Amino acid sequence: MHESLQTTHSPAAVPAAPPVQRVRLLRIADVCFATGLGRSTVYARIKANSFPRPVQLHGTCVAWREADVNAWIEARPAAGGAA
């Protein structure tokens, strides 16, 4: 006769998968909208090393990591001099 070779896995034995973190990329129009800066100002600040650099997608196509842009926004002082 055949014996059943069933194995049961306890939920604690299976390691949990790490949460998936998606990196959202923003094009220049989205960056300008989010920051309130104009296109030429964004590129001028990149040149002055005071704005996050974009990532190269292909050819001349670039985009910014949303997290980098959000961090730059958060680092700006509040309006009205409130500290």
C-alpha atoms as a PDB file:
ATOM      1  CA  MET A   1       0.000   0.000   0.000  1.00  0.00           C
ATOM      2  CA  HIS A   2       1.050   3.623  -0.527  1.00  0.00           C
ATOM      3  CA  GLU A   3       1.598   5.956   2.326  1.00  0.00           C
ATOM      4  CA  SER A   4       0.678   9.569   1.853  1.00  0.00           C
ATOM      5  CA  LEU A   5       3.684  11.869   1.945  1.00  0.00           C
ATOM      6  CA  GLN A   6       1.788  15.031   2.685  1.00  0.00           C
ATOM      7  CA  THR A   7       3.673  17.674   4.544  1.00  0.00           C
ATOM      8  CA  THR A   8       2.056  20.602   6.194  1.00  0.00           C
ATOM      9  CA  HIS A   9       3.759  23.934   6.433  1.00  0.00           C
ATOM     10  CA  SER A  10       3.124  25.955   9.503  1.00  0.00           C
ATOM     11  CA  PRO A  11       2.627  29.672   8.756  1.00  0.00           C
ATOM     12  CA  ALA A  12       5.506  30.553  11.077  1.00  0.00           C
ATOM     13  CA  ALA A  13       7.963  28.455   9.049  1.00  0.00           C
ATOM     14  CA  VAL A  14       7.486  30.483   5.836  1.00  0.00           C
ATOM     15  CA  PRO A  15       9.472  33.732   5.901  1.00  0.00           C
ATOM     16  CA  ALA A  16       7.464  36.821   5.088  1.00  0.00           C
ATOM     17  CA  ALA A  17       8.322  38.532   1.829  1.00  0.00           C
ATOM     18  CA  PRO A  18       9.660  42.065   2.250  1.00  0.00           C
ATOM     19  CA  PRO A  19       7.205  44.777   1.184  1.00  0.00           C
ATOM     20  CA  VAL A  20       7.634  45.935  -2.391  1.00  0.00           C
ATOM     21  CA  GLN A  21       8.741  49.554  -2.602  1.00  0.00           C
ATOM     22  CA  ARG A  22       8.076  51.048  -5.972  1.00  0.00           C
ATOM     23  CA  VAL A  23      10.206  53.917  -7.181  1.00  0.00           C
ATOM     24  CA  ARG A  24       8.083  56.448  -9.014  1.00  0.00           C
ATOM     25  CA  LEU A  25       9.835  58.544 -11.617  1.00  0.00           C
ATOM     26  CA  LEU A  26       8.710  62.073 -12.421  1.00  0.00           C
ATOM     27  CA  ARG A  27       9.164  63.818 -15.749  1.00  0.00           C
ATOM     28  CA  ILE A  28      10.090  67.512 -15.896  1.00  0.00           C
ATOM     29  CA  ALA A  29       6.464  68.722 -16.086  1.00  0.00           C
ATOM     30  CA  ASP A  30       5.640  66.789 -12.902  1.00  0.00           C
ATOM     31  CA  VAL A  31       8.755  68.143 -11.158  1.00  0.00           C
ATOM     32  CA  CYS A  32       7.820  71.715 -12.109  1.00  0.00           C
ATOM     33  CA  PHE A  33       4.253  71.199 -10.877  1.00  0.00           C
ATOM     34  CA  ALA A  34       5.365  69.636  -7.579  1.00  0.00           C
ATOM     35  CA  THR A  35       8.012  72.258  -6.815  1.00  0.00           C
ATOM     36  CA  GLY A  36       6.511  75.373  -8.356  1.00  0.00           C
ATOM     37  CA  LEU A  37       9.794  75.946 -10.192  1.00  0.00           C
ATOM     38  CA  GLY A  38      10.139  76.575 -13.905  1.00  0.00           C
ATOM     39  CA  ARG A  39      11.992  74.211 -16.205  1.00  0.00           C
ATOM     40  CA  SER A  40      15.021  76.475 -16.608  1.00  0.00           C
ATOM     41  CA  THR A  41      15.171  77.059 -12.833  1.00  0.00           C
ATOM     42  CA  VAL A  42      15.199  73.307 -12.181  1.00  0.00           C
ATOM     43  CA  TYR A  43      18.141  72.824 -14.553  1.00  0.00           C
ATOM     44  CA  ALA A  44      19.951  75.896 -13.164  1.00  0.00           C
ATOM     45  CA  ARG A  45      19.641  74.512  -9.631  1.00  0.00           C
ATOM     46  CA  ILE A  46      20.914  71.114 -10.798  1.00  0.00           C
ATOM     47  CA  LYS A  47      23.949  72.856 -12.274  1.00  0.00           C
ATOM     48  CA  ALA A  48      24.460  74.686  -8.949  1.00  0.00           C
ATOM     49  CA  ASN A  49      24.149  71.364  -7.066  1.00  0.00           C
ATOM     50  CA  SER A  50      21.100  72.623  -5.156  1.00  0.00           C
ATOM     51  CA  PHE A  51      18.513  70.284  -6.692  1.00  0.00           C
ATOM     52  CA  PRO A  52      18.458  66.478  -7.147  1.00  0.00           C
ATOM     53  CA  ARG A  53      19.967  65.194 -10.364  1.00  0.00           C
ATOM     54  CA  PRO A  54      17.722  63.226 -12.712  1.00  0.00           C
ATOM     55  CA  VAL A  55      18.270  59.631 -13.733  1.00  0.00           C
ATOM     56  CA  GLN A  56      18.949  58.796 -17.365  1.00  0.00           C
ATOM     57  CA  LEU A  57      16.184  56.673 -18.886  1.00  0.00           C
ATOM     58  CA  HIS A  58      17.380  56.487 -22.494  1.00  0.00           C
ATOM     59  CA  GLY A  59      18.897  58.879 -24.983  1.00  0.00           C
ATOM     60  CA  THR A  60      18.054  62.366 -23.782  1.00  0.00           C
ATOM     61  CA  CYS A  61      15.078  61.185 -21.724  1.00  0.00           C
ATOM     62  CA  VAL A  62      15.495  61.832 -17.993  1.00  0.00           C
ATOM     63  CA  ALA A  63      13.285  61.638 -14.918  1.00  0.00           C
ATOM     64  CA  TRP A  64      13.570  62.359 -11.212  1.00  0.00           C
ATOM     65  CA  ARG A  65      12.962  59.950  -8.361  1.00  0.00           C
ATOM     66  CA  GLU A  66       9.818  61.124  -6.586  1.00  0.00           C
ATOM     67  CA  ALA A  67      11.428  60.477  -3.199  1.00  0.00           C
ATOM     68  CA  ASP A  68      14.366  62.772  -4.084  1.00  0.00           C
ATOM     69  CA  VAL A  69      12.032  65.580  -5.161  1.00  0.00           C
ATOM     70  CA  ASN A  70       9.861  65.148  -2.062  1.00  0.00           C
ATOM     71  CA  ALA A  71      12.939  65.237   0.186  1.00  0.00           C
ATOM     72  CA  TRP A  72      14.061  68.464  -1.510  1.00  0.00           C
ATOM     73  CA  ILE A  73      10.613  69.986  -0.945  1.00  0.00           C
ATOM     74  CA  GLU A  74      10.600  68.937   2.730  1.00  0.00           C
ATOM     75  CA  ALA A  75      14.015  70.547   3.228  1.00  0.00           C
ATOM     76  CA  ARG A  76      12.680  73.964   2.152  1.00  0.00           C
ATOM     77  CA  PRO A  77      11.933  76.416   4.975  1.00  0.00           C
ATOM     78  CA  ALA A  78       8.289  77.167   5.717  1.00  0.00           C
ATOM     79  CA  ALA A  79       6.803  80.354   4.242  1.00  0.00           C
ATOM     80  CA  GLY A  80       6.425  83.356   6.537  1.00  0.00           C
ATOM     81  CA  GLY A  81       9.567  82.652   8.533  1.00  0.00           C
ATOM     82  CA  ALA A  82       7.847  80.181  10.862  1.00  0.00           C
ATOM     83  CA  ALA A  83      10.508  78.001  12.422  1.00  0.00           C
END
